PDB file of N, CA and C in Angstrom:
ATOM      1  N   MET A   1     110.134 264.406 145.818  1.00  0.00           N
ATOM      2  CA  MET A   1     108.747 264.396 145.422  1.00  0.00           C
ATOM      3  C   MET A   1     107.891 264.993 146.543  1.00  0.00           C
ATOM      4  N   SER A   2     106.840 265.720 146.177  1.00  0.00           N
ATOM      5  CA  SER A   2     105.960 266.301 147.172  1.00  0.00           C
ATOM      6  C   SER A   2     105.012 265.239 147.716  1.00  0.00           C
ATOM      7  N   GLU A   3     104.379 265.572 148.839  1.00  0.00           N
ATOM      8  CA  GLU A   3     103.453 264.623 149.462  1.00  0.00           C
ATOM      9  C   GLU A   3     102.270 264.343 148.539  1.00  0.00           C
ATOM     10  N   LYS A   4     101.789 265.375 147.833  1.00  0.00           N
ATOM     11  CA  LYS A   4     100.661 265.180 146.928  1.00  0.00           C
ATOM     12  C   LYS A   4     101.030 264.246 145.782  1.00  0.00           C
ATOM     13  N   SER A   5     102.214 264.425 145.201  1.00  0.00           N
ATOM     14  CA  SER A   5     102.606 263.538 144.100  1.00  0.00           C
ATOM     15  C   SER A   5     102.862 262.122 144.609  1.00  0.00           C
ATOM     16  N   ASP A   6     103.347 261.995 145.869  1.00  0.00           N
ATOM     17  CA  ASP A   6     103.491 260.664 146.469  1.00  0.00           C
ATOM     18  C   ASP A   6     102.138 259.974 146.584  1.00  0.00           C
ATOM     19  N   MET A   7     101.107 260.731 146.998  1.00  0.00           N
ATOM     20  CA  MET A   7      99.763 260.156 147.144  1.00  0.00           C
ATOM     21  C   MET A   7      99.216 259.734 145.786  1.00  0.00           C
ATOM     22  N   ILE A   8      99.440 260.553 144.767  1.00  0.00           N
ATOM     23  CA  ILE A   8      98.966 260.216 143.420  1.00  0.00           C
ATOM     24  C   ILE A   8      99.673 258.959 142.920  1.00  0.00           C
ATOM     25  N   GLN A   9     100.989 258.906 143.129  1.00  0.00           N
ATOM     26  CA  GLN A   9     101.765 257.735 142.714  1.00  0.00           C
ATOM     27  C   GLN A   9     101.287 256.488 143.445  1.00  0.00           C
ATOM     28  N   ASP A  10     100.997 256.624 144.745  1.00  0.00           N
ATOM     29  CA  ASP A  10     100.513 255.502 145.550  1.00  0.00           C
ATOM     30  C   ASP A  10      99.177 254.990 145.012  1.00  0.00           C
ATOM     31  N   ARG A  11      98.285 255.912 144.684  1.00  0.00           N
ATOM     32  CA  ARG A  11      96.973 255.528 144.144  1.00  0.00           C
ATOM     33  C   ARG A  11      97.131 254.812 142.807  1.00  0.00           C
ATOM     34  N   LYS A  12      98.033 255.306 141.944  1.00  0.00           N
ATOM     35  CA  LYS A  12      98.278 254.657 140.654  1.00  0.00           C
ATOM     36  C   LYS A  12      98.799 253.233 140.853  1.00  0.00           C
ATOM     37  N   GLN A  13      99.679 253.050 141.820  1.00  0.00           N
ATOM     38  CA  GLN A  13     100.210 251.717 142.093  1.00  0.00           C
ATOM     39  C   GLN A  13      99.106 250.780 142.581  1.00  0.00           C
ATOM     40  N   ARG A  14      98.197 251.277 143.424  1.00  0.00           N
ATOM     41  CA  ARG A  14      97.080 250.443 143.898  1.00  0.00           C
ATOM     42  C   ARG A  14      96.199 250.011 142.732  1.00  0.00           C
ATOM     43  N   VAL A  15      95.880 250.973 141.851  1.00  0.00           N
ATOM     44  CA  VAL A  15      95.049 250.665 140.687  1.00  0.00           C
ATOM     45  C   VAL A  15      95.750 249.641 139.802  1.00  0.00           C
ATOM     46  N   ARG A  16      97.060 249.798 139.603  1.00  0.00           N
ATOM     47  CA  ARG A  16      97.817 248.866 138.775  1.00  0.00           C
ATOM     48  C   ARG A  16      97.795 247.461 139.373  1.00  0.00           C
ATOM     49  N   ARG A  17      97.975 247.354 140.702  1.00  0.00           N
ATOM     50  CA  ARG A  17      97.961 246.038 141.349  1.00  0.00           C
ATOM     51  C   ARG A  17      96.596 245.362 141.201  1.00  0.00           C
ATOM     52  N   VAL A  18      95.526 246.139 141.372  1.00  0.00           N
ATOM     53  CA  VAL A  18      94.179 245.576 141.217  1.00  0.00           C
ATOM     54  C   VAL A  18      93.971 245.132 139.777  1.00  0.00           C
ATOM     55  N   ALA A  19      94.429 245.956 138.816  1.00  0.00           N
ATOM     56  CA  ALA A  19      94.275 245.603 137.400  1.00  0.00           C
ATOM     57  C   ALA A  19      95.073 244.350 137.057  1.00  0.00           C
ATOM     58  N   GLU A  20      96.269 244.217 137.626  1.00  0.00           N
ATOM     59  CA  GLU A  20      97.090 243.034 137.354  1.00  0.00           C
ATOM     60  C   GLU A  20      96.418 241.762 137.864  1.00  0.00           C
ATOM     61  N   ARG A  21      95.660 241.887 138.927  1.00  0.00           N
ATOM     62  CA  ARG A  21      94.946 240.726 139.464  1.00  0.00           C
ATOM     63  C   ARG A  21      93.682 240.439 138.672  1.00  0.00           C
ATOM     64  N   GLY A  22      93.311 241.347 137.764  1.00  0.00           N
ATOM     65  CA  GLY A  22      92.104 241.154 136.976  1.00  0.00           C
ATOM     66  C   GLY A  22      90.841 241.395 137.772  1.00  0.00           C
ATOM     67  N   GLU A  23      90.937 242.241 138.779  1.00  0.00           N
ATOM     68  CA  GLU A  23      89.783 242.504 139.635  1.00  0.00           C
ATOM     69  C   GLU A  23      89.313 243.937 139.449  1.00  0.00           C
ATOM     70  N   THR A  24      88.056 244.145 139.745  1.00  0.00           N
ATOM     71  CA  THR A  24      87.541 245.501 139.859  1.00  0.00           C
ATOM     72  C   THR A  24      87.379 245.784 141.332  1.00  0.00           C
ATOM     73  N   SER A  25      87.231 247.031 141.688  1.00  0.00           N
ATOM     74  CA  SER A  25      87.096 247.358 143.106  1.00  0.00           C
ATOM     75  C   SER A  25      85.813 246.776 143.694  1.00  0.00           C
ATOM     76  N   GLU A  26      84.837 246.465 142.822  1.00  0.00           N
ATOM     77  CA  GLU A  26      83.581 245.898 143.310  1.00  0.00           C
ATOM     78  C   GLU A  26      83.620 244.372 143.386  1.00  0.00           C
ATOM     79  N   SER A  27      84.663 243.761 142.860  1.00  0.00           N
ATOM     80  CA  SER A  27      84.695 242.302 142.844  1.00  0.00           C
ATOM     81  C   SER A  27      84.895 241.736 144.242  1.00  0.00           C
ATOM     82  N   ALA A  28      84.453 240.523 144.423  1.00  0.00           N
ATOM     83  CA  ALA A  28      84.518 239.893 145.737  1.00  0.00           C
ATOM     84  C   ALA A  28      85.947 239.713 146.231  1.00  0.00           C
ATOM     85  N   GLY A  29      86.895 239.562 145.317  1.00  0.00           N
ATOM     86  CA  GLY A  29      88.266 239.324 145.719  1.00  0.00           C
ATOM     87  C   GLY A  29      89.047 240.586 146.065  1.00  0.00           C
ATOM     88  N   ALA A  30      88.491 241.753 145.760  1.00  0.00           N
ATOM     89  CA  ALA A  30      89.205 242.992 146.023  1.00  0.00           C
ATOM     90  C   ALA A  30      89.247 243.249 147.526  1.00  0.00           C
ATOM     91  N   PRO A  31      90.393 243.675 148.026  1.00  0.00           N
ATOM     92  CA  PRO A  31      90.491 243.949 149.457  1.00  0.00           C
ATOM     93  C   PRO A  31      89.623 245.145 149.829  1.00  0.00           C
ATOM     94  N   ASP A  32      89.068 245.118 151.018  1.00  0.00           N
ATOM     95  CA  ASP A  32      88.318 246.258 151.517  1.00  0.00           C
ATOM     96  C   ASP A  32      88.779 246.558 152.939  1.00  0.00           C
ATOM     97  N   VAL A  33      88.339 247.671 153.454  1.00  0.00           N
ATOM     98  CA  VAL A  33      88.776 248.108 154.778  1.00  0.00           C
ATOM     99  C   VAL A  33      88.382 247.085 155.837  1.00  0.00           C
ATOM    100  N   PHE A  34      87.174 246.540 155.748  1.00  0.00           N
ATOM    101  CA  PHE A  34      86.717 245.572 156.735  1.00  0.00           C
ATOM    102  C   PHE A  34      87.591 244.317 156.718  1.00  0.00           C
ATOM    103  N   GLY A  35      87.914 243.842 155.525  1.00  0.00           N
ATOM    104  CA  GLY A  35      88.781 242.677 155.415  1.00  0.00           C
ATOM    105  C   GLY A  35      90.175 242.961 155.938  1.00  0.00           C
ATOM    106  N   ALA A  36      90.660 244.166 155.679  1.00  0.00           N
ATOM    107  CA  ALA A  36      91.996 244.534 156.157  1.00  0.00           C
ATOM    108  C   ALA A  36      92.045 244.546 157.681  1.00  0.00           C
ATOM    109  N   LEU A  37      90.962 244.953 158.310  1.00  0.00           N
ATOM    110  CA  LEU A  37      90.926 245.032 159.774  1.00  0.00           C
ATOM    111  C   LEU A  37      90.715 243.668 160.426  1.00  0.00           C
ATOM    112  N   ALA A  38      90.418 242.656 159.630  1.00  0.00           N
ATOM    113  CA  ALA A  38      90.166 241.322 160.181  1.00  0.00           C
ATOM    114  C   ALA A  38      91.423 240.678 160.761  1.00  0.00           C
ATOM    115  N   SER A  39      92.582 241.082 160.292  1.00  0.00           N
ATOM    116  CA  SER A  39      93.833 240.474 160.741  1.00  0.00           C
ATOM    117  C   SER A  39      94.379 241.177 161.985  1.00  0.00           C
ATOM    118  N   PRO A  40      94.669 240.409 163.046  1.00  0.00           N
ATOM    119  CA  PRO A  40      95.257 241.016 164.247  1.00  0.00           C
ATOM    120  C   PRO A  40      96.611 241.674 163.960  1.00  0.00           C
ATOM    121  N   VAL A  41      97.376 241.105 163.036  1.00  0.00           N
ATOM    122  CA  VAL A  41      98.685 241.697 162.707  1.00  0.00           C
ATOM    123  C   VAL A  41      98.482 243.068 162.061  1.00  0.00           C
ATOM    124  N   ARG A  42      97.533 243.166 161.142  1.00  0.00           N
ATOM    125  CA  ARG A  42      97.289 244.455 160.486  1.00  0.00           C
ATOM    126  C   ARG A  42      96.743 245.473 161.476  1.00  0.00           C
ATOM    127  N   ARG A  43      95.907 245.030 162.408  1.00  0.00           N
ATOM    128  CA  ARG A  43      95.418 245.957 163.434  1.00  0.00           C
ATOM    129  C   ARG A  43      96.572 246.462 164.293  1.00  0.00           C
ATOM    130  N   ARG A  44      97.514 245.590 164.619  1.00  0.00           N
ATOM    131  CA  ARG A  44      98.679 246.014 165.412  1.00  0.00           C
ATOM    132  C   ARG A  44      99.543 247.000 164.632  1.00  0.00           C
ATOM    133  N   LEU A  45      99.685 246.779 163.324  1.00  0.00           N
ATOM    134  CA  LEU A  45     100.445 247.712 162.496  1.00  0.00           C
ATOM    135  C   LEU A  45      99.784 249.090 162.495  1.00  0.00           C
ATOM    136  N   LEU A  46      98.469 249.120 162.354  1.00  0.00           N
ATOM    137  CA  LEU A  46      97.753 250.395 162.365  1.00  0.00           C
ATOM    138  C   LEU A  46      97.898 251.095 163.713  1.00  0.00           C
ATOM    139  N   MET A  47      97.822 250.323 164.791  1.00  0.00           N
ATOM    140  CA  MET A  47      97.988 250.913 166.123  1.00  0.00           C
ATOM    141  C   MET A  47      99.385 251.505 166.274  1.00  0.00           C
ATOM    142  N   ALA A  48     100.386 250.824 165.763  1.00  0.00           N
ATOM    143  CA  ALA A  48     101.758 251.330 165.844  1.00  0.00           C
ATOM    144  C   ALA A  48     101.910 252.624 165.038  1.00  0.00           C
ATOM    145  N   LEU A  49     101.223 252.699 163.913  1.00  0.00           N
ATOM    146  CA  LEU A  49     101.333 253.882 163.060  1.00  0.00           C
ATOM    147  C   LEU A  49     100.587 255.094 163.622  1.00  0.00           C
ATOM    148  N   ARG A  50      99.746 254.878 164.627  1.00  0.00           N
ATOM    149  CA  ARG A  50      99.068 256.019 165.254  1.00  0.00           C
ATOM    150  C   ARG A  50     100.073 256.987 165.865  1.00  0.00           C
ATOM    151  N   ALA A  51     101.193 256.456 166.329  1.00  0.00           N
ATOM    152  CA  ALA A  51     102.212 257.286 166.969  1.00  0.00           C
ATOM    153  C   ALA A  51     102.999 258.114 165.964  1.00  0.00           C
ATOM    154  N   GLY A  52     102.872 257.797 164.682  1.00  0.00           N
ATOM    155  CA  GLY A  52     103.580 258.547 163.651  1.00  0.00           C
ATOM    156  C   GLY A  52     104.198 257.619 162.625  1.00  0.00           C
ATOM    157  N   PRO A  53     104.796 258.197 161.591  1.00  0.00           N
ATOM    158  CA  PRO A  53     105.400 257.410 160.512  1.00  0.00           C
ATOM    159  C   PRO A  53     106.488 256.478 161.039  1.00  0.00           C
ATOM    160  N   ARG A  54     106.551 255.281 160.444  1.00  0.00           N
ATOM    161  CA  ARG A  54     107.529 254.277 160.865  1.00  0.00           C
ATOM    162  C   ARG A  54     108.043 253.520 159.652  1.00  0.00           C
ATOM    163  N   THR A  55     109.260 253.005 159.771  1.00  0.00           N
ATOM    164  CA  THR A  55     109.822 252.154 158.722  1.00  0.00           C
ATOM    165  C   THR A  55     109.352 250.718 158.945  1.00  0.00           C
ATOM    166  N   VAL A  56     109.552 249.867 157.945  1.00  0.00           N
ATOM    167  CA  VAL A  56     109.187 248.456 158.076  1.00  0.00           C
ATOM    168  C   VAL A  56     109.966 247.826 159.226  1.00  0.00           C
ATOM    169  N   SER A  57     111.236 248.152 159.336  1.00  0.00           N
ATOM    170  CA  SER A  57     112.058 247.601 160.421  1.00  0.00           C
ATOM    171  C   SER A  57     111.470 247.954 161.785  1.00  0.00           C
ATOM    172  N   ASP A  58     111.069 249.211 161.940  1.00  0.00           N
ATOM    173  CA  ASP A  58     110.450 249.630 163.201  1.00  0.00           C
ATOM    174  C   ASP A  58     109.159 248.865 163.457  1.00  0.00           C
ATOM    175  N   LEU A  59     108.366 248.695 162.414  1.00  0.00           N
ATOM    176  CA  LEU A  59     107.072 248.037 162.564  1.00  0.00           C
ATOM    177  C   LEU A  59     107.207 246.548 162.867  1.00  0.00           C
ATOM    178  N   CYS A  60     108.298 245.940 162.454  1.00  0.00           N
ATOM    179  CA  CYS A  60     108.515 244.503 162.685  1.00  0.00           C
ATOM    180  C   CYS A  60     108.780 244.176 164.154  1.00  0.00           C
ATOM    181  N   GLU A  61     109.300 245.149 164.892  1.00  0.00           N
ATOM    182  CA  GLU A  61     109.656 244.907 166.283  1.00  0.00           C
ATOM    183  C   GLU A  61     108.438 244.465 167.091  1.00  0.00           C
ATOM    184  N   GLY A  62     108.571 243.321 167.754  1.00  0.00           N
ATOM    185  CA  GLY A  62     107.514 242.824 168.620  1.00  0.00           C
ATOM    186  C   GLY A  62     106.395 242.080 167.918  1.00  0.00           C
ATOM    187  N   LEU A  63     106.471 241.946 166.611  1.00  0.00           N
ATOM    188  CA  LEU A  63     105.424 241.204 165.896  1.00  0.00           C
ATOM    189  C   LEU A  63     105.829 239.735 165.758  1.00  0.00           C
ATOM    190  N   PRO A  64     104.851 238.842 165.796  1.00  0.00           N
ATOM    191  CA  PRO A  64     105.146 237.407 165.716  1.00  0.00           C
ATOM    192  C   PRO A  64     105.337 236.880 164.300  1.00  0.00           C
ATOM    193  N   VAL A  65     105.549 237.779 163.335  1.00  0.00           N
ATOM    194  CA  VAL A  65     105.723 237.363 161.940  1.00  0.00           C
ATOM    195  C   VAL A  65     107.014 237.957 161.387  1.00  0.00           C
ATOM    196  N   ALA A  66     107.528 237.346 160.326  1.00  0.00           N
ATOM    197  CA  ALA A  66     108.777 237.784 159.705  1.00  0.00           C
ATOM    198  C   ALA A  66     108.556 239.046 158.868  1.00  0.00           C
ATOM    199  N   ARG A  67     109.642 239.699 158.550  1.00  0.00           N
ATOM    200  CA  ARG A  67     109.596 240.943 157.785  1.00  0.00           C
ATOM    201  C   ARG A  67     108.860 240.805 156.444  1.00  0.00           C
ATOM    202  N   PRO A  68     109.067 239.721 155.674  1.00  0.00           N
ATOM    203  CA  PRO A  68     108.309 239.607 154.414  1.00  0.00           C
ATOM    204  C   PRO A  68     106.790 239.584 154.644  1.00  0.00           C
ATOM    205  N   ALA A  69     106.359 238.947 155.718  1.00  0.00           N
ATOM    206  CA  ALA A  69     104.926 238.907 156.024  1.00  0.00           C
ATOM    207  C   ALA A  69     104.424 240.305 156.395  1.00  0.00           C
ATOM    208  N   VAL A  70     105.224 241.053 157.155  1.00  0.00           N
ATOM    209  CA  VAL A  70     104.850 242.425 157.514  1.00  0.00           C
ATOM    210  C   VAL A  70     104.722 243.265 156.242  1.00  0.00           C
ATOM    211  N   SER A  71     105.640 243.078 155.316  1.00  0.00           N
ATOM    212  CA  SER A  71     105.573 243.815 154.047  1.00  0.00           C
ATOM    213  C   SER A  71     104.298 243.480 153.274  1.00  0.00           C
ATOM    214  N   GLU A  72     103.893 242.220 153.296  1.00  0.00           N
ATOM    215  CA  GLU A  72     102.648 241.825 152.625  1.00  0.00           C
ATOM    216  C   GLU A  72     101.441 242.465 153.305  1.00  0.00           C
ATOM    217  N   HIS A  73     101.437 242.468 154.630  1.00  0.00           N
ATOM    218  CA  HIS A  73     100.335 243.106 155.362  1.00  0.00           C
ATOM    219  C   HIS A  73     100.282 244.603 155.040  1.00  0.00           C
ATOM    220  N   LEU A  74     101.438 245.252 154.991  1.00  0.00           N
ATOM    221  CA  LEU A  74     101.474 246.683 154.662  1.00  0.00           C
ATOM    222  C   LEU A  74     101.003 246.938 153.233  1.00  0.00           C
ATOM    223  N   ALA A  75     101.309 246.032 152.318  1.00  0.00           N
ATOM    224  CA  ALA A  75     100.849 246.179 150.937  1.00  0.00           C
ATOM    225  C   ALA A  75      99.323 246.133 150.875  1.00  0.00           C
ATOM    226  N   LEU A  76      98.717 245.230 151.632  1.00  0.00           N
ATOM    227  CA  LEU A  76      97.260 245.159 151.638  1.00  0.00           C
ATOM    228  C   LEU A  76      96.673 246.424 152.263  1.00  0.00           C
ATOM    229  N   LEU A  77      97.264 246.881 153.370  1.00  0.00           N
ATOM    230  CA  LEU A  77      96.785 248.119 153.995  1.00  0.00           C
ATOM    231  C   LEU A  77      96.924 249.301 153.038  1.00  0.00           C
ATOM    232  N   ARG A  78      97.980 249.290 152.238  1.00  0.00           N
ATOM    233  CA  ARG A  78      98.173 250.330 151.223  1.00  0.00           C
ATOM    234  C   ARG A  78      97.111 250.204 150.134  1.00  0.00           C
ATOM    235  N   ASP A  79      96.789 248.984 149.734  1.00  0.00           N
ATOM    236  CA  ASP A  79      95.781 248.750 148.695  1.00  0.00           C
ATOM    237  C   ASP A  79      94.413 249.301 149.084  1.00  0.00           C
ATOM    238  N   VAL A  80      94.067 249.221 150.356  1.00  0.00           N
ATOM    239  CA  VAL A  80      92.750 249.710 150.793  1.00  0.00           C
ATOM    240  C   VAL A  80      92.810 251.164 151.243  1.00  0.00           C
ATOM    241  N   GLY A  81      94.003 251.763 151.199  1.00  0.00           N
ATOM    242  CA  GLY A  81      94.132 253.184 151.508  1.00  0.00           C
ATOM    243  C   GLY A  81      94.349 253.527 152.961  1.00  0.00           C
ATOM    244  N   LEU A  82      94.574 252.527 153.813  1.00  0.00           N
ATOM    245  CA  LEU A  82      94.774 252.808 155.236  1.00  0.00           C
ATOM    246  C   LEU A  82      96.187 253.276 155.564  1.00  0.00           C
ATOM    247  N   VAL A  83      97.137 252.972 154.719  1.00  0.00           N
ATOM    248  CA  VAL A  83      98.489 253.493 154.887  1.00  0.00           C
ATOM    249  C   VAL A  83      98.980 254.017 153.552  1.00  0.00           C
ATOM    250  N   ARG A  84      99.895 254.928 153.632  1.00  0.00           N
ATOM    251  CA  ARG A  84     100.582 255.396 152.430  1.00  0.00           C
ATOM    252  C   ARG A  84     102.067 255.283 152.708  1.00  0.00           C
ATOM    253  N   VAL A  85     102.837 255.160 151.660  1.00  0.00           N
ATOM    254  CA  VAL A  85     104.279 254.944 151.795  1.00  0.00           C
ATOM    255  C   VAL A  85     105.018 256.108 151.165  1.00  0.00           C
ATOM    256  N   GLN A  86     106.114 256.450 151.792  1.00  0.00           N
ATOM    257  CA  GLN A  86     106.972 257.522 151.294  1.00  0.00           C
ATOM    258  C   GLN A  86     108.397 256.982 151.241  1.00  0.00           C
ATOM    259  N   LYS A  87     109.042 257.146 150.102  1.00  0.00           N
ATOM    260  CA  LYS A  87     110.426 256.689 149.979  1.00  0.00           C
ATOM    261  C   LYS A  87     111.346 257.762 150.543  1.00  0.00           C
ATOM    262  N   ARG A  88     112.253 257.316 151.404  1.00  0.00           N
ATOM    263  CA  ARG A  88     113.299 258.196 151.941  1.00  0.00           C
ATOM    264  C   ARG A  88     114.623 257.476 151.736  1.00  0.00           C
ATOM    265  N   GLY A  89     115.288 257.810 150.660  1.00  0.00           N
ATOM    266  CA  GLY A  89     116.517 257.108 150.324  1.00  0.00           C
ATOM    267  C   GLY A  89     116.203 255.659 150.008  1.00  0.00           C
ATOM    268  N   ARG A  90     116.862 254.744 150.738  1.00  0.00           N
ATOM    269  CA  ARG A  90     116.613 253.314 150.528  1.00  0.00           C
ATOM    270  C   ARG A  90     115.438 252.801 151.352  1.00  0.00           C
ATOM    271  N   GLU A  91     114.977 253.596 152.286  1.00  0.00           N
ATOM    272  CA  GLU A  91     113.906 253.146 153.178  1.00  0.00           C
ATOM    273  C   GLU A  91     112.540 253.597 152.680  1.00  0.00           C
ATOM    274  N   ARG A  92     111.559 252.853 153.141  1.00  0.00           N
ATOM    275  CA  ARG A  92     110.164 253.234 152.912  1.00  0.00           C
ATOM    276  C   ARG A  92     109.571 253.538 154.272  1.00  0.00           C
ATOM    277  N   VAL A  93     108.937 254.691 154.364  1.00  0.00           N
ATOM    278  CA  VAL A  93     108.321 255.111 155.613  1.00  0.00           C
ATOM    279  C   VAL A  93     106.807 255.048 155.424  1.00  0.00           C
ATOM    280  N   TYR A  94     106.138 254.385 156.358  1.00  0.00           N
ATOM    281  CA  TYR A  94     104.692 254.202 156.266  1.00  0.00           C
ATOM    282  C   TYR A  94     103.981 255.188 157.175  1.00  0.00           C
ATOM    283  N   HIS A  95     102.882 255.728 156.645  1.00  0.00           N
ATOM    284  CA  HIS A  95     102.067 256.706 157.358  1.00  0.00           C
ATOM    285  C   HIS A  95     100.640 256.172 157.444  1.00  0.00           C
ATOM    286  N   LEU A  96      99.984 256.387 158.566  1.00  0.00           N
ATOM    287  CA  LEU A  96      98.582 256.024 158.727  1.00  0.00           C
ATOM    288  C   LEU A  96      97.717 257.033 157.988  1.00  0.00           C
ATOM    289  N   ASP A  97      96.726 256.543 157.268  1.00  0.00           N
ATOM    290  CA  ASP A  97      95.726 257.396 156.624  1.00  0.00           C
ATOM    291  C   ASP A  97      94.367 256.925 157.128  1.00  0.00           C
ATOM    292  N   PRO A  98      93.821 257.593 158.141  1.00  0.00           N
ATOM    293  CA  PRO A  98      92.592 257.098 158.771  1.00  0.00           C
ATOM    294  C   PRO A  98      91.308 257.372 157.994  1.00  0.00           C
ATOM    295  N   ARG A  99      91.381 258.066 156.879  1.00  0.00           N
ATOM    296  CA  ARG A  99      90.152 258.427 156.158  1.00  0.00           C
ATOM    297  C   ARG A  99      89.255 257.242 155.815  1.00  0.00           C
ATOM    298  N   PRO A 100      89.794 256.095 155.353  1.00  0.00           N
ATOM    299  CA  PRO A 100      88.896 254.968 155.052  1.00  0.00           C
ATOM    300  C   PRO A 100      88.172 254.417 156.287  1.00  0.00           C
ATOM    301  N   LEU A 101      88.653 254.753 157.473  1.00  0.00           N
ATOM    302  CA  LEU A 101      88.002 254.255 158.687  1.00  0.00           C
ATOM    303  C   LEU A 101      86.653 254.928 158.939  1.00  0.00           C
ATOM    304  N   THR A 102      86.366 256.027 158.229  1.00  0.00           N
ATOM    305  CA  THR A 102      85.058 256.668 158.398  1.00  0.00           C
ATOM    306  C   THR A 102      83.944 255.723 157.957  1.00  0.00           C
ATOM    307  N   GLU A 103      84.205 254.915 156.933  1.00  0.00           N
ATOM    308  CA  GLU A 103      83.222 253.914 156.479  1.00  0.00           C
ATOM    309  C   GLU A 103      82.951 252.901 157.589  1.00  0.00           C
ATOM    310  N   VAL A 104      84.008 252.473 158.246  1.00  0.00           N
ATOM    311  CA  VAL A 104      83.870 251.511 159.343  1.00  0.00           C
ATOM    312  C   VAL A 104      83.109 252.151 160.499  1.00  0.00           C
ATOM    313  N   GLY A 105      83.464 253.382 160.833  1.00  0.00           N
ATOM    314  CA  GLY A 105      82.793 254.086 161.924  1.00  0.00           C
ATOM    315  C   GLY A 105      81.309 254.264 161.657  1.00  0.00           C
ATOM    316  N   ALA A 106      80.962 254.624 160.433  1.00  0.00           N
ATOM    317  CA  ALA A 106      79.544 254.802 160.080  1.00  0.00           C
ATOM    318  C   ALA A 106      78.790 253.485 160.219  1.00  0.00           C
ATOM    319  N   TRP A 107      79.390 252.397 159.740  1.00  0.00           N
ATOM    320  CA  TRP A 107      78.747 251.086 159.832  1.00  0.00           C
ATOM    321  C   TRP A 107      78.574 250.683 161.302  1.00  0.00           C
ATOM    322  N   LEU A 108      79.613 250.899 162.094  1.00  0.00           N
ATOM    323  CA  LEU A 108      79.536 250.544 163.517  1.00  0.00           C
ATOM    324  C   LEU A 108      78.464 251.360 164.232  1.00  0.00           C
ATOM    325  N   ASN A 109      78.316 252.629 163.882  1.00  0.00           N
ATOM    326  CA  ASN A 109      77.279 253.457 164.502  1.00  0.00           C
ATOM    327  C   ASN A 109      75.883 252.933 164.184  1.00  0.00           C
ATOM    328  N   VAL A 110      75.676 252.498 162.946  1.00  0.00           N
ATOM    329  CA  VAL A 110      74.374 251.922 162.559  1.00  0.00           C
ATOM    330  C   VAL A 110      74.110 250.650 163.362  1.00  0.00           C
ATOM    331  N   MET A 111      75.124 249.785 163.447  1.00  0.00           N
ATOM    332  CA  MET A 111      74.958 248.534 164.190  1.00  0.00           C
ATOM    333  C   MET A 111      74.748 248.788 165.678  1.00  0.00           C
ATOM    334  N   LEU A 112      75.456 249.754 166.238  1.00  0.00           N
ATOM    335  CA  LEU A 112      75.302 250.092 167.650  1.00  0.00           C
ATOM    336  C   LEU A 112      73.880 250.580 167.932  1.00  0.00           C
ATOM    337  N   ALA A 113      73.355 251.432 167.069  1.00  0.00           N
ATOM    338  CA  ALA A 113      71.987 251.929 167.242  1.00  0.00           C
ATOM    339  C   ALA A 113      70.992 250.773 167.165  1.00  0.00           C
ATOM    340  N   PHE A 114      71.198 249.855 166.221  1.00  0.00           N
ATOM    341  CA  PHE A 114      70.314 248.706 166.083  1.00  0.00           C
ATOM    342  C   PHE A 114      70.310 247.864 167.359  1.00  0.00           C
ATOM    343  N   TRP A 115      71.507 247.526 167.851  1.00  0.00           N
ATOM    344  CA  TRP A 115      71.573 246.655 169.027  1.00  0.00           C
ATOM    345  C   TRP A 115      71.115 247.363 170.298  1.00  0.00           C
ATOM    346  N   ASN A 116      71.326 248.652 170.388  1.00  0.00           N
ATOM    347  CA  ASN A 116      70.783 249.389 171.543  1.00  0.00           C
ATOM    348  C   ASN A 116      69.261 249.357 171.537  1.00  0.00           C
ATOM    349  N   MET A 117      68.668 249.469 170.350  1.00  0.00           N
ATOM    350  CA  MET A 117      67.213 249.399 170.222  1.00  0.00           C
ATOM    351  C   MET A 117      66.715 247.998 170.609  1.00  0.00           C
ATOM    352  N   ARG A 118      67.403 246.978 170.102  1.00  0.00           N
ATOM    353  CA  ARG A 118      66.998 245.594 170.409  1.00  0.00           C
ATOM    354  C   ARG A 118      67.122 245.296 171.905  1.00  0.00           C
ATOM    355  N   LEU A 119      68.188 245.743 172.518  1.00  0.00           N
ATOM    356  CA  LEU A 119      68.370 245.522 173.964  1.00  0.00           C
ATOM    357  C   LEU A 119      67.326 246.291 174.765  1.00  0.00           C
ATOM    358  N   GLY A 120      66.972 247.478 174.278  1.00  0.00           N
ATOM    359  CA  GLY A 120      65.896 248.237 174.921  1.00  0.00           C
ATOM    360  C   GLY A 120      64.578 247.479 174.845  1.00  0.00           C
ATOM    361  N   ASP A 121      64.315 246.845 173.694  1.00  0.00           N
ATOM    362  CA  ASP A 121      63.109 246.025 173.540  1.00  0.00           C
ATOM    363  C   ASP A 121      63.123 244.872 174.542  1.00  0.00           C
ATOM    364  N   LEU A 122      64.263 244.227 174.698  1.00  0.00           N
ATOM    365  CA  LEU A 122      64.376 243.116 175.657  1.00  0.00           C
ATOM    366  C   LEU A 122      64.149 243.588 177.090  1.00  0.00           C
ATOM    367  N   ASP A 123      64.679 244.750 177.415  1.00  0.00           N
ATOM    368  CA  ASP A 123      64.465 245.304 178.754  1.00  0.00           C
ATOM    369  C   ASP A 123      62.981 245.555 179.011  1.00  0.00           C
ATOM    370  N   ARG A 124      62.279 246.100 178.034  1.00  0.00           N
ATOM    371  CA  ARG A 124      60.846 246.357 178.186  1.00  0.00           C
ATOM    372  C   ARG A 124      60.059 245.064 178.332  1.00  0.00           C
ATOM    373  N   ILE A 125      60.426 244.049 177.571  1.00  0.00           N
ATOM    374  CA  ILE A 125      59.750 242.737 177.674  1.00  0.00           C
ATOM    375  C   ILE A 125      59.988 242.142 179.057  1.00  0.00           C
ATOM    376  N   GLY A 126      61.213 242.267 179.545  1.00  0.00           N
ATOM    377  CA  GLY A 126      61.546 241.715 180.864  1.00  0.00           C
ATOM    378  C   GLY A 126      60.833 242.431 181.987  1.00  0.00           C
ATOM    379  N   GLU A 127      60.490 243.705 181.796  1.00  0.00           N
ATOM    380  CA  GLU A 127      59.801 244.475 182.830  1.00  0.00           C
ATOM    381  C   GLU A 127      58.300 244.204 182.873  1.00  0.00           C
ATOM    382  N   GLU A 128      57.770 243.629 181.809  1.00  0.00           N
ATOM    383  CA  GLU A 128      56.315 243.373 181.747  1.00  0.00           C
ATOM    384  C   GLU A 128      55.895 242.230 182.619  1.00  0.00           C
TER     385      GLU A 128
END
């Protein structure tokens, strides 16, 4: 299968999982990028994937959780689009997809500008 058809298949699987749960992407229970980043284990998985594609076995090394838990974390990361999976024989290889992180980056930039402005206000008050 080509990489494009793998991505399409991955997206269809995400939609199917959300539909099976009876959720819409706007519902409160639907996973989002911010929620996915809340877990230290998921953040460690993403950091490991920065170096390149890895199998579940590779990703389990050094983590304080069992392989089934790692698989669940990867499923959630796949649901929000932060990782994609490619089948290679019997193995599944996970790839980082940083595109959803642009939403996080934009939000962080807004918050950073806000707090820089507020701290500047405090500095001016302190100088008076």
